[in-house]
Amino acid sequence: LEDWTRPGRPKISTLRLLWASVLPDAGALRRVAGIAHIGLTQHRNNEEMITLRCDRGAHILRKLGLGDMAAEAVRGLDEHWDGCGYPERRSGETIPLGSRILAIAQHLDVFASEQGIQKALQVLHERSGRWFDPKLVRVVTRLHRTGALWTWALSSTPEHETRAAALDLAPAQVHRLQASDVDLICEAFADVV
C-alpha cells in the first residue's frame, strides 16, 4: 500500500510503519540505525527481491504449461510505465499488455480490499503515467463509471455461481489433468515454497 518508489522525504505514514516494524524490541538508536540501513539499501533490496519473484512466477507458469505469453505477463507485473519498475526497467508499450492489465487488476484488488474502491481508484489515478498505462487507467475509469468494473467482484452471487460464471469464460476445448500434470502442479507449489 506504500509507494516505496518515490524518492525524497518519506511520508509520516511510512515512517510510522518503519518505526513499528523495524527492530521493535530494540532501543531507539538501534532502530534508527536499522531504518537508515533500509533506506540506504532499499533500491538494491527491492530490485533483488522483485526480480526473484518475477522470474520465479514466470518459471512456475511455464512449468505448468501456461505458455510464454502468460509467463511474460507475470514476469513483467512489476514493470512501471515510466521505466522505474523491475525486473528489466521496461517502459511504456515495451511492457507486455498482459503485464499492464494484471498490474492494474492487482492494484485494484489490493487497494479495494484494504482501503475501499474509491481509494483504489484515487491511487490508480495518482500513479497513472508513472506505474500504470494511462490508456488502461482511462478504460478502468469508464468501466467503473458504467458499473461494469466491479460486477463480479462485488456480486452477492454465491461463490459456486461466480465460479461457474468464470469457468464459462474458459476456452471451449478443455482437457482432463493427467497424473503427470498433477505432479507438475505439486512441483510448482514446491518451487514457491
N, C-alpha and C. Protein backbone atom coordinates (compact mmCIF):
# COMPACT_ATOMS: atom_id res chain seq x y z
N LEU A 1 0.81 -1.20 0.00
CA LEU A 1 0.00 0.00 0.00
C LEU A 1 0.85 1.26 0.00
N GLU A 2 2.10 1.13 0.38
CA GLU A 2 3.02 2.28 0.37
C GLU A 2 3.72 2.35 -0.98
N ASP A 3 3.95 3.55 -1.47
CA ASP A 3 4.70 3.75 -2.70
C ASP A 3 6.16 3.98 -2.33
N TRP A 4 6.94 2.91 -2.40
CA TRP A 4 8.35 2.97 -2.00
C TRP A 4 9.23 3.47 -3.14
N THR A 5 8.63 3.79 -4.27
CA THR A 5 9.43 4.16 -5.44
C THR A 5 9.70 5.65 -5.53
N ARG A 6 9.03 6.46 -4.77
CA ARG A 6 9.20 7.91 -4.87
C ARG A 6 10.35 8.38 -3.99
N PRO A 7 11.37 8.95 -4.61
CA PRO A 7 12.49 9.46 -3.81
C PRO A 7 12.07 10.71 -3.05
N GLY A 8 12.89 11.09 -2.13
CA GLY A 8 12.61 12.31 -1.37
C GLY A 8 12.23 12.00 0.06
N ARG A 9 11.64 12.97 0.68
CA ARG A 9 11.28 12.87 2.08
C ARG A 9 10.14 11.86 2.27
N PRO A 10 10.33 10.89 3.16
CA PRO A 10 9.27 9.89 3.36
C PRO A 10 8.05 10.51 4.05
N LYS A 11 6.89 9.93 3.75
CA LYS A 11 5.66 10.37 4.39
C LYS A 11 5.66 9.93 5.85
N ILE A 12 4.87 10.63 6.65
CA ILE A 12 4.74 10.30 8.07
C ILE A 12 4.24 8.86 8.23
N SER A 13 3.27 8.45 7.38
CA SER A 13 2.73 7.08 7.50
C SER A 13 3.82 6.04 7.23
N THR A 14 4.74 6.34 6.30
CA THR A 14 5.84 5.43 6.01
C THR A 14 6.78 5.34 7.20
N LEU A 15 7.10 6.48 7.80
CA LEU A 15 7.98 6.49 8.97
C LEU A 15 7.34 5.74 10.14
N ARG A 16 6.04 5.91 10.32
CA ARG A 16 5.34 5.17 11.39
C ARG A 16 5.41 3.67 11.15
N LEU A 17 5.19 3.27 9.89
CA LEU A 17 5.26 1.86 9.55
C LEU A 17 6.66 1.31 9.83
N LEU A 18 7.67 2.03 9.41
CA LEU A 18 9.05 1.59 9.66
C LEU A 18 9.35 1.52 11.16
N TRP A 19 8.93 2.55 11.89
CA TRP A 19 9.21 2.58 13.32
C TRP A 19 8.53 1.40 14.04
N ALA A 20 7.34 1.06 13.62
CA ALA A 20 6.62 -0.05 14.24
C ALA A 20 7.18 -1.41 13.84
N SER A 21 7.80 -1.48 12.66
CA SER A 21 8.21 -2.78 12.12
C SER A 21 9.68 -3.12 12.28
N VAL A 22 10.55 -2.12 12.27
CA VAL A 22 11.99 -2.38 12.28
C VAL A 22 12.50 -2.49 13.70
N LEU A 23 13.01 -3.67 14.03
CA LEU A 23 13.60 -3.94 15.35
C LEU A 23 12.72 -3.39 16.48
N PRO A 24 11.47 -3.82 16.57
CA PRO A 24 10.54 -3.23 17.54
C PRO A 24 10.96 -3.39 19.00
N ASP A 25 11.79 -4.37 19.31
CA ASP A 25 12.21 -4.57 20.70
C ASP A 25 13.56 -3.94 21.02
N ALA A 26 14.16 -3.30 20.03
CA ALA A 26 15.48 -2.67 20.23
C ALA A 26 15.32 -1.25 20.76
N GLY A 27 16.42 -0.70 21.21
CA GLY A 27 16.42 0.68 21.67
C GLY A 27 16.28 1.65 20.50
N ALA A 28 16.02 2.91 20.81
CA ALA A 28 15.76 3.92 19.79
C ALA A 28 16.93 4.09 18.83
N LEU A 29 18.16 4.13 19.33
CA LEU A 29 19.33 4.33 18.47
C LEU A 29 19.49 3.18 17.48
N ARG A 30 19.32 1.96 17.97
CA ARG A 30 19.45 0.79 17.10
C ARG A 30 18.33 0.77 16.05
N ARG A 31 17.14 1.17 16.44
CA ARG A 31 16.02 1.22 15.49
C ARG A 31 16.28 2.26 14.40
N VAL A 32 16.77 3.44 14.80
CA VAL A 32 17.08 4.49 13.82
C VAL A 32 18.15 3.99 12.86
N ALA A 33 19.17 3.29 13.39
CA ALA A 33 20.23 2.75 12.53
C ALA A 33 19.65 1.70 11.56
N GLY A 34 18.74 0.88 12.05
CA GLY A 34 18.09 -0.12 11.18
C GLY A 34 17.29 0.52 10.07
N ILE A 35 16.55 1.57 10.40
CA ILE A 35 15.75 2.28 9.41
C ILE A 35 16.67 2.96 8.39
N ALA A 36 17.76 3.55 8.86
CA ALA A 36 18.72 4.19 7.94
C ALA A 36 19.33 3.16 6.99
N HIS A 37 19.64 1.98 7.53
CA HIS A 37 20.20 0.90 6.69
C HIS A 37 19.19 0.50 5.61
N ILE A 38 17.93 0.39 5.97
CA ILE A 38 16.90 0.06 4.99
C ILE A 38 16.85 1.14 3.91
N GLY A 39 16.88 2.39 4.32
CA GLY A 39 16.85 3.48 3.36
C GLY A 39 18.02 3.44 2.39
N LEU A 40 19.20 3.11 2.90
CA LEU A 40 20.39 3.09 2.06
C LEU A 40 20.44 1.89 1.12
N THR A 41 19.83 0.78 1.51
CA THR A 41 19.89 -0.44 0.70
C THR A 41 18.56 -0.76 0.02
N GLN A 42 17.57 0.10 0.19
CA GLN A 42 16.22 -0.18 -0.30
C GLN A 42 16.19 -0.49 -1.80
N HIS A 43 16.83 0.33 -2.60
CA HIS A 43 16.77 0.14 -4.05
C HIS A 43 17.32 -1.24 -4.44
N ARG A 44 18.50 -1.56 -3.94
CA ARG A 44 19.12 -2.85 -4.27
C ARG A 44 18.27 -4.01 -3.77
N ASN A 45 17.76 -3.90 -2.54
CA ASN A 45 16.93 -4.97 -1.98
C ASN A 45 15.63 -5.15 -2.77
N ASN A 46 14.99 -4.02 -3.11
CA ASN A 46 13.76 -4.10 -3.90
C ASN A 46 14.02 -4.80 -5.23
N GLU A 47 15.08 -4.37 -5.90
CA GLU A 47 15.40 -4.94 -7.21
C GLU A 47 15.65 -6.45 -7.11
N GLU A 48 16.40 -6.84 -6.12
CA GLU A 48 16.73 -8.25 -5.95
C GLU A 48 15.49 -9.10 -5.64
N MET A 49 14.69 -8.65 -4.69
CA MET A 49 13.51 -9.42 -4.28
C MET A 49 12.45 -9.45 -5.38
N ILE A 50 12.19 -8.32 -6.00
CA ILE A 50 11.14 -8.27 -7.02
C ILE A 50 11.56 -9.05 -8.25
N THR A 51 12.83 -8.94 -8.64
CA THR A 51 13.31 -9.71 -9.79
C THR A 51 13.19 -11.20 -9.52
N LEU A 52 13.56 -11.63 -8.34
CA LEU A 52 13.43 -13.04 -7.98
C LEU A 52 11.97 -13.48 -8.06
N ARG A 53 11.06 -12.68 -7.51
CA ARG A 53 9.64 -13.03 -7.53
C ARG A 53 9.11 -13.10 -8.96
N CYS A 54 9.49 -12.13 -9.80
CA CYS A 54 9.04 -12.10 -11.19
C CYS A 54 9.56 -13.30 -11.97
N ASP A 55 10.84 -13.59 -11.82
CA ASP A 55 11.43 -14.73 -12.53
C ASP A 55 10.82 -16.04 -12.06
N ARG A 56 10.64 -16.17 -10.76
CA ARG A 56 10.06 -17.40 -10.20
C ARG A 56 8.62 -17.58 -10.69
N GLY A 57 7.84 -16.50 -10.70
CA GLY A 57 6.46 -16.60 -11.17
C GLY A 57 6.40 -17.04 -12.63
N ALA A 58 7.25 -16.46 -13.47
CA ALA A 58 7.28 -16.84 -14.89
C ALA A 58 7.70 -18.29 -15.04
N HIS A 59 8.68 -18.72 -14.28
CA HIS A 59 9.15 -20.11 -14.33
C HIS A 59 8.02 -21.07 -13.97
N ILE A 60 7.27 -20.74 -12.94
CA ILE A 60 6.17 -21.61 -12.49
C ILE A 60 5.10 -21.70 -13.57
N LEU A 61 4.74 -20.59 -14.19
CA LEU A 61 3.73 -20.64 -15.24
C LEU A 61 4.20 -21.47 -16.44
N ARG A 62 5.46 -21.34 -16.79
CA ARG A 62 5.99 -22.16 -17.88
C ARG A 62 5.96 -23.64 -17.49
N LYS A 63 6.34 -23.91 -16.27
CA LYS A 63 6.35 -25.29 -15.79
C LYS A 63 4.94 -25.90 -15.85
N LEU A 64 3.93 -25.07 -15.57
CA LEU A 64 2.55 -25.55 -15.60
C LEU A 64 2.00 -25.64 -17.03
N GLY A 65 2.82 -25.21 -18.00
CA GLY A 65 2.39 -25.30 -19.38
C GLY A 65 1.44 -24.19 -19.81
N LEU A 66 1.46 -23.07 -19.11
CA LEU A 66 0.56 -21.97 -19.44
C LEU A 66 1.10 -21.08 -20.56
N GLY A 67 2.29 -21.37 -21.03
CA GLY A 67 2.82 -20.69 -22.21
C GLY A 67 3.63 -19.45 -21.90
N ASP A 68 4.35 -19.02 -22.95
CA ASP A 68 5.25 -17.88 -22.82
C ASP A 68 4.50 -16.57 -22.61
N MET A 69 3.35 -16.40 -23.25
CA MET A 69 2.63 -15.13 -23.11
C MET A 69 2.20 -14.92 -21.66
N ALA A 70 1.66 -15.94 -21.03
CA ALA A 70 1.25 -15.83 -19.63
C ALA A 70 2.47 -15.65 -18.73
N ALA A 71 3.53 -16.40 -19.01
CA ALA A 71 4.74 -16.29 -18.19
C ALA A 71 5.34 -14.89 -18.28
N GLU A 72 5.40 -14.34 -19.48
CA GLU A 72 5.97 -12.99 -19.64
C GLU A 72 5.06 -11.93 -19.02
N ALA A 73 3.76 -12.16 -19.04
CA ALA A 73 2.83 -11.22 -18.38
C ALA A 73 3.11 -11.18 -16.89
N VAL A 74 3.32 -12.33 -16.29
CA VAL A 74 3.63 -12.39 -14.85
C VAL A 74 5.02 -11.83 -14.58
N ARG A 75 5.96 -12.15 -15.43
CA ARG A 75 7.33 -11.65 -15.23
C ARG A 75 7.38 -10.12 -15.25
N GLY A 76 6.54 -9.48 -16.06
CA GLY A 76 6.55 -8.03 -16.18
C GLY A 76 5.56 -7.33 -15.26
N LEU A 77 5.01 -8.04 -14.31
CA LEU A 77 3.97 -7.49 -13.43
C LEU A 77 4.44 -6.28 -12.63
N ASP A 78 5.72 -6.20 -12.32
CA ASP A 78 6.23 -5.09 -11.51
C ASP A 78 6.99 -4.05 -12.34
N GLU A 79 6.83 -4.11 -13.66
CA GLU A 79 7.37 -3.04 -14.50
C GLU A 79 6.46 -1.83 -14.34
N HIS A 80 7.01 -0.65 -14.46
CA HIS A 80 6.23 0.58 -14.34
C HIS A 80 6.27 1.35 -15.65
N TRP A 81 5.18 1.97 -15.97
CA TRP A 81 5.01 2.71 -17.22
C TRP A 81 6.18 3.68 -17.47
N ASP A 82 6.69 4.31 -16.40
CA ASP A 82 7.76 5.30 -16.56
C ASP A 82 9.16 4.68 -16.61
N GLY A 83 9.26 3.36 -16.56
CA GLY A 83 10.56 2.69 -16.66
C GLY A 83 11.28 2.49 -15.34
N CYS A 84 10.61 2.79 -14.23
CA CYS A 84 11.25 2.66 -12.92
C CYS A 84 10.90 1.35 -12.20
N GLY A 85 10.32 0.40 -12.91
CA GLY A 85 9.92 -0.86 -12.29
C GLY A 85 10.99 -1.92 -12.45
N TYR A 86 10.59 -3.16 -12.20
CA TYR A 86 11.50 -4.30 -12.26
C TYR A 86 10.82 -5.43 -13.04
N PRO A 87 11.54 -6.37 -13.57
CA PRO A 87 12.96 -6.62 -13.43
C PRO A 87 13.83 -5.97 -14.51
N GLU A 88 13.23 -5.51 -15.62
CA GLU A 88 14.04 -5.02 -16.74
C GLU A 88 13.96 -3.51 -16.96
N ARG A 89 13.21 -2.82 -16.13
CA ARG A 89 13.02 -1.37 -16.28
C ARG A 89 12.44 -1.01 -17.65
N ARG A 90 11.52 -1.88 -18.10
CA ARG A 90 10.82 -1.57 -19.35
C ARG A 90 9.93 -0.37 -19.12
N SER A 91 9.59 0.31 -20.20
CA SER A 91 8.70 1.46 -20.07
C SER A 91 7.65 1.44 -21.17
N GLY A 92 6.57 2.13 -20.92
CA GLY A 92 5.52 2.30 -21.91
C GLY A 92 5.06 1.00 -22.52
N GLU A 93 4.90 1.04 -23.83
CA GLU A 93 4.35 -0.11 -24.52
C GLU A 93 5.35 -1.24 -24.73
N THR A 94 6.59 -1.09 -24.25
CA THR A 94 7.52 -2.22 -24.28
C THR A 94 7.17 -3.23 -23.19
N ILE A 95 6.35 -2.81 -22.23
CA ILE A 95 5.85 -3.72 -21.19
C ILE A 95 4.74 -4.54 -21.83
N PRO A 96 4.76 -5.86 -21.70
CA PRO A 96 3.68 -6.66 -22.30
C PRO A 96 2.30 -6.18 -21.84
N LEU A 97 1.35 -6.17 -22.76
CA LEU A 97 0.00 -5.72 -22.46
C LEU A 97 -0.59 -6.51 -21.29
N GLY A 98 -0.35 -7.82 -21.29
CA GLY A 98 -0.86 -8.65 -20.18
C GLY A 98 -0.32 -8.18 -18.84
N SER A 99 0.95 -7.79 -18.80
CA SER A 99 1.55 -7.27 -17.55
C SER A 99 0.87 -5.99 -17.12
N ARG A 100 0.62 -5.10 -18.08
CA ARG A 100 -0.01 -3.82 -17.75
C ARG A 100 -1.43 -4.02 -17.21
N ILE A 101 -2.16 -4.96 -17.81
CA ILE A 101 -3.52 -5.24 -17.34
C ILE A 101 -3.48 -5.89 -15.96
N LEU A 102 -2.61 -6.88 -15.79
CA LEU A 102 -2.51 -7.57 -14.50
C LEU A 102 -2.06 -6.63 -13.38
N ALA A 103 -1.16 -5.70 -13.69
CA ALA A 103 -0.69 -4.76 -12.66
C ALA A 103 -1.85 -3.91 -12.16
N ILE A 104 -2.70 -3.45 -13.06
CA ILE A 104 -3.86 -2.66 -12.65
C ILE A 104 -4.84 -3.52 -11.86
N ALA A 105 -5.08 -4.73 -12.33
CA ALA A 105 -6.01 -5.62 -11.61
C ALA A 105 -5.49 -5.92 -10.21
N GLN A 106 -4.20 -6.20 -10.10
CA GLN A 106 -3.59 -6.47 -8.79
C GLN A 106 -3.74 -5.25 -7.87
N HIS A 107 -3.45 -4.08 -8.41
CA HIS A 107 -3.56 -2.85 -7.63
C HIS A 107 -4.99 -2.66 -7.13
N LEU A 108 -5.95 -2.79 -8.04
CA LEU A 108 -7.35 -2.60 -7.65
C LEU A 108 -7.77 -3.60 -6.58
N ASP A 109 -7.35 -4.85 -6.75
CA ASP A 109 -7.70 -5.88 -5.78
C ASP A 109 -7.15 -5.55 -4.40
N VAL A 110 -5.88 -5.21 -4.32
CA VAL A 110 -5.24 -4.93 -3.03
C VAL A 110 -5.85 -3.69 -2.38
N PHE A 111 -5.92 -2.60 -3.12
CA PHE A 111 -6.42 -1.36 -2.53
C PHE A 111 -7.90 -1.43 -2.20
N ALA A 112 -8.71 -2.00 -3.08
CA ALA A 112 -10.15 -2.09 -2.80
C ALA A 112 -10.40 -2.97 -1.59
N SER A 113 -9.63 -4.05 -1.44
CA SER A 113 -9.79 -4.94 -0.28
C SER A 113 -9.37 -4.26 1.01
N GLU A 114 -8.29 -3.48 0.96
CA GLU A 114 -7.73 -2.89 2.17
C GLU A 114 -8.30 -1.51 2.50
N GLN A 115 -8.57 -0.69 1.46
CA GLN A 115 -8.93 0.70 1.72
C GLN A 115 -10.18 1.17 0.98
N GLY A 116 -10.83 0.27 0.25
CA GLY A 116 -12.07 0.63 -0.42
C GLY A 116 -11.87 1.01 -1.88
N ILE A 117 -12.97 0.94 -2.62
CA ILE A 117 -12.94 1.18 -4.05
C ILE A 117 -12.50 2.60 -4.39
N GLN A 118 -13.02 3.59 -3.69
CA GLN A 118 -12.67 4.97 -4.03
C GLN A 118 -11.18 5.23 -3.84
N LYS A 119 -10.60 4.70 -2.77
CA LYS A 119 -9.16 4.87 -2.56
C LYS A 119 -8.37 4.13 -3.64
N ALA A 120 -8.85 2.95 -4.03
CA ALA A 120 -8.18 2.19 -5.09
C ALA A 120 -8.15 3.00 -6.38
N LEU A 121 -9.27 3.61 -6.73
CA LEU A 121 -9.33 4.41 -7.95
C LEU A 121 -8.51 5.68 -7.82
N GLN A 122 -8.52 6.30 -6.65
CA GLN A 122 -7.73 7.53 -6.43
C GLN A 122 -6.25 7.25 -6.63
N VAL A 123 -5.74 6.19 -6.00
CA VAL A 123 -4.32 5.87 -6.12
C VAL A 123 -3.98 5.42 -7.54
N LEU A 124 -4.90 4.72 -8.19
CA LEU A 124 -4.69 4.33 -9.58
C LEU A 124 -4.46 5.57 -10.45
N HIS A 125 -5.28 6.59 -10.23
CA HIS A 125 -5.14 7.84 -11.00
C HIS A 125 -3.85 8.57 -10.62
N GLU A 126 -3.48 8.56 -9.34
CA GLU A 126 -2.24 9.21 -8.92
C GLU A 126 -1.02 8.56 -9.57
N ARG A 127 -1.09 7.26 -9.78
CA ARG A 127 0.05 6.52 -10.34
C ARG A 127 -0.04 6.35 -11.86
N SER A 128 -1.11 6.85 -12.47
CA SER A 128 -1.26 6.78 -13.92
C SER A 128 -0.12 7.57 -14.58
N GLY A 129 0.51 6.94 -15.56
CA GLY A 129 1.63 7.60 -16.23
C GLY A 129 2.96 7.36 -15.54
N ARG A 130 2.93 6.95 -14.29
CA ARG A 130 4.16 6.56 -13.58
C ARG A 130 4.21 5.04 -13.51
N TRP A 131 3.23 4.43 -12.83
CA TRP A 131 3.18 2.98 -12.70
C TRP A 131 2.35 2.35 -13.81
N PHE A 132 1.25 3.00 -14.15
CA PHE A 132 0.24 2.37 -14.99
C PHE A 132 0.06 3.07 -16.32
N ASP A 133 -0.29 2.28 -17.32
CA ASP A 133 -0.59 2.76 -18.67
C ASP A 133 -1.80 3.71 -18.58
N PRO A 134 -1.63 4.98 -18.94
CA PRO A 134 -2.73 5.93 -18.83
C PRO A 134 -3.96 5.54 -19.66
N LYS A 135 -3.75 4.91 -20.81
CA LYS A 135 -4.90 4.47 -21.62
C LYS A 135 -5.71 3.42 -20.88
N LEU A 136 -5.03 2.49 -20.23
CA LEU A 136 -5.74 1.45 -19.48
C LEU A 136 -6.43 2.04 -18.25
N VAL A 137 -5.82 3.03 -17.64
CA VAL A 137 -6.46 3.70 -16.50
C VAL A 137 -7.76 4.37 -16.96
N ARG A 138 -7.75 4.95 -18.14
CA ARG A 138 -8.98 5.56 -18.67
C ARG A 138 -10.05 4.49 -18.94
N VAL A 139 -9.62 3.33 -19.43
CA VAL A 139 -10.57 2.23 -19.66
C VAL A 139 -11.18 1.80 -18.33
N VAL A 140 -10.35 1.62 -17.32
CA VAL A 140 -10.84 1.24 -16.00
C VAL A 140 -11.82 2.28 -15.47
N THR A 141 -11.51 3.54 -15.65
CA THR A 141 -12.39 4.61 -15.19
C THR A 141 -13.75 4.52 -15.88
N ARG A 142 -13.74 4.30 -17.20
CA ARG A 142 -15.02 4.16 -17.92
C ARG A 142 -15.80 2.95 -17.43
N LEU A 143 -15.11 1.82 -17.24
CA LEU A 143 -15.78 0.62 -16.74
C LEU A 143 -16.38 0.86 -15.36
N HIS A 144 -15.66 1.58 -14.53
CA HIS A 144 -16.17 1.90 -13.19
C HIS A 144 -17.42 2.78 -13.30
N ARG A 145 -17.36 3.81 -14.13
CA ARG A 145 -18.50 4.73 -14.27
C ARG A 145 -19.75 4.05 -14.80
N THR A 146 -19.55 3.05 -15.66
CA THR A 146 -20.71 2.34 -16.21
C THR A 146 -21.21 1.24 -15.29
N GLY A 147 -20.47 0.98 -14.22
CA GLY A 147 -20.87 -0.07 -13.28
C GLY A 147 -20.39 -1.46 -13.66
N ALA A 148 -19.60 -1.56 -14.74
CA ALA A 148 -19.17 -2.87 -15.22
C ALA A 148 -17.90 -3.39 -14.54
N LEU A 149 -17.12 -2.51 -13.93
CA LEU A 149 -15.81 -2.93 -13.41
C LEU A 149 -15.92 -3.92 -12.26
N TRP A 150 -16.81 -3.68 -11.35
CA TRP A 150 -16.86 -4.46 -10.11
C TRP A 150 -17.98 -5.50 -10.12
N THR A 151 -18.58 -5.76 -11.25
CA THR A 151 -19.76 -6.62 -11.33
C THR A 151 -19.58 -7.94 -10.60
N TRP A 152 -18.53 -8.67 -10.92
CA TRP A 152 -18.34 -9.99 -10.30
C TRP A 152 -17.68 -9.88 -8.93
N ALA A 153 -16.79 -8.95 -8.78
CA ALA A 153 -16.06 -8.83 -7.52
C ALA A 153 -16.98 -8.49 -6.37
N LEU A 154 -17.98 -7.66 -6.60
CA LEU A 154 -18.87 -7.21 -5.53
C LEU A 154 -20.22 -7.89 -5.57
N SER A 155 -20.36 -8.87 -6.41
CA SER A 155 -21.64 -9.55 -6.56
C SER A 155 -22.02 -10.29 -5.29
N SER A 156 -23.30 -10.31 -5.00
CA SER A 156 -23.78 -11.10 -3.87
C SER A 156 -24.07 -12.53 -4.31
N THR A 157 -23.64 -12.86 -5.53
CA THR A 157 -23.83 -14.19 -6.07
C THR A 157 -23.07 -15.19 -5.22
N PRO A 158 -23.70 -16.31 -4.89
CA PRO A 158 -22.96 -17.34 -4.12
C PRO A 158 -21.69 -17.74 -4.85
N GLU A 159 -20.72 -18.15 -4.08
CA GLU A 159 -19.40 -18.46 -4.64
C GLU A 159 -19.45 -19.46 -5.78
N HIS A 160 -20.27 -20.49 -5.66
CA HIS A 160 -20.31 -21.51 -6.72
C HIS A 160 -20.85 -20.93 -8.03
N GLU A 161 -21.75 -19.96 -7.98
CA GLU A 161 -22.26 -19.34 -9.20
C GLU A 161 -21.19 -18.45 -9.83
N THR A 162 -20.42 -17.74 -9.01
CA THR A 162 -19.33 -16.91 -9.53
C THR A 162 -18.28 -17.80 -10.19
N ARG A 163 -17.97 -18.93 -9.55
CA ARG A 163 -17.00 -19.88 -10.12
C ARG A 163 -17.51 -20.40 -11.46
N ALA A 164 -18.78 -20.75 -11.52
CA ALA A 164 -19.36 -21.26 -12.76
C ALA A 164 -19.29 -20.20 -13.86
N ALA A 165 -19.57 -18.94 -13.51
CA ALA A 165 -19.50 -17.86 -14.50
C ALA A 165 -18.07 -17.69 -15.01
N ALA A 166 -17.08 -17.79 -14.11
CA ALA A 166 -15.68 -17.69 -14.53
C ALA A 166 -15.31 -18.85 -15.44
N LEU A 167 -15.76 -20.05 -15.10
CA LEU A 167 -15.46 -21.21 -15.93
C LEU A 167 -16.11 -21.11 -17.30
N ASP A 168 -17.26 -20.44 -17.37
CA ASP A 168 -17.92 -20.24 -18.66
C ASP A 168 -17.07 -19.39 -19.60
N LEU A 169 -16.16 -18.60 -19.05
CA LEU A 169 -15.29 -17.76 -19.87
C LEU A 169 -14.11 -18.54 -20.45
N ALA A 170 -13.89 -19.76 -19.96
CA ALA A 170 -12.76 -20.57 -20.40
C ALA A 170 -12.97 -21.01 -21.85
N PRO A 171 -11.87 -21.30 -22.55
CA PRO A 171 -11.99 -21.80 -23.92
C PRO A 171 -12.85 -23.07 -23.97
N ALA A 172 -13.47 -23.31 -25.11
CA ALA A 172 -14.38 -24.45 -25.25
C ALA A 172 -13.65 -25.78 -25.10
N GLN A 173 -12.42 -25.84 -25.58
CA GLN A 173 -11.68 -27.09 -25.52
C GLN A 173 -11.02 -27.24 -24.15
N VAL A 174 -11.45 -28.23 -23.42
CA VAL A 174 -10.94 -28.48 -22.08
C VAL A 174 -10.40 -29.90 -22.03
N HIS A 175 -9.31 -30.09 -21.31
CA HIS A 175 -8.80 -31.45 -21.16
C HIS A 175 -8.64 -31.78 -19.70
N ARG A 176 -8.73 -33.05 -19.40
CA ARG A 176 -8.59 -33.51 -18.03
C ARG A 176 -7.11 -33.60 -17.67
N LEU A 177 -6.83 -33.36 -16.40
CA LEU A 177 -5.45 -33.45 -15.93
C LEU A 177 -5.01 -34.90 -15.86
N GLN A 178 -3.80 -35.12 -16.30
CA GLN A 178 -3.18 -36.43 -16.17
C GLN A 178 -2.36 -36.44 -14.87
N ALA A 179 -1.93 -37.59 -14.44
CA ALA A 179 -1.12 -37.70 -13.23
C ALA A 179 0.13 -36.84 -13.34
N SER A 180 0.74 -36.82 -14.52
CA SER A 180 1.96 -36.02 -14.70
C SER A 180 1.65 -34.52 -14.56
N ASP A 181 0.43 -34.09 -14.97
CA ASP A 181 0.04 -32.69 -14.80
C ASP A 181 -0.08 -32.34 -13.33
N VAL A 182 -0.65 -33.25 -12.56
CA VAL A 182 -0.79 -33.03 -11.12
C VAL A 182 0.60 -32.94 -10.48
N ASP A 183 1.52 -33.80 -10.94
CA ASP A 183 2.90 -33.74 -10.44
C ASP A 183 3.53 -32.37 -10.72
N LEU A 184 3.30 -31.84 -11.93
CA LEU A 184 3.84 -30.52 -12.27
C LEU A 184 3.26 -29.43 -11.37
N ILE A 185 1.98 -29.52 -11.09
CA ILE A 185 1.36 -28.53 -10.20
C ILE A 185 1.97 -28.62 -8.81
N CYS A 186 2.16 -29.83 -8.32
CA CYS A 186 2.80 -30.00 -6.99
C CYS A 186 4.23 -29.46 -7.00
N GLU A 187 4.96 -29.71 -8.06
CA GLU A 187 6.33 -29.18 -8.17
C GLU A 187 6.32 -27.65 -8.20
N ALA A 188 5.35 -27.09 -8.89
CA ALA A 188 5.25 -25.63 -8.97
C ALA A 188 5.00 -25.04 -7.58
N PHE A 189 4.11 -25.64 -6.82
CA PHE A 189 3.87 -25.17 -5.46
C PHE A 189 5.11 -25.36 -4.60
N ALA A 190 5.84 -26.44 -4.81
CA ALA A 190 7.08 -26.65 -4.07
C ALA A 190 8.10 -25.56 -4.42
N ASP A 191 8.13 -25.14 -5.70
CA ASP A 191 9.03 -24.06 -6.10
C ASP A 191 8.70 -22.77 -5.37
N VAL A 192 7.41 -22.52 -5.16
CA VAL A 192 7.01 -21.31 -4.44
C VAL A 192 7.57 -21.36 -3.02
N VAL A 193 7.41 -22.51 -2.39
CA VAL A 193 7.89 -22.66 -1.02
C VAL A 193 9.38 -22.58 -0.99
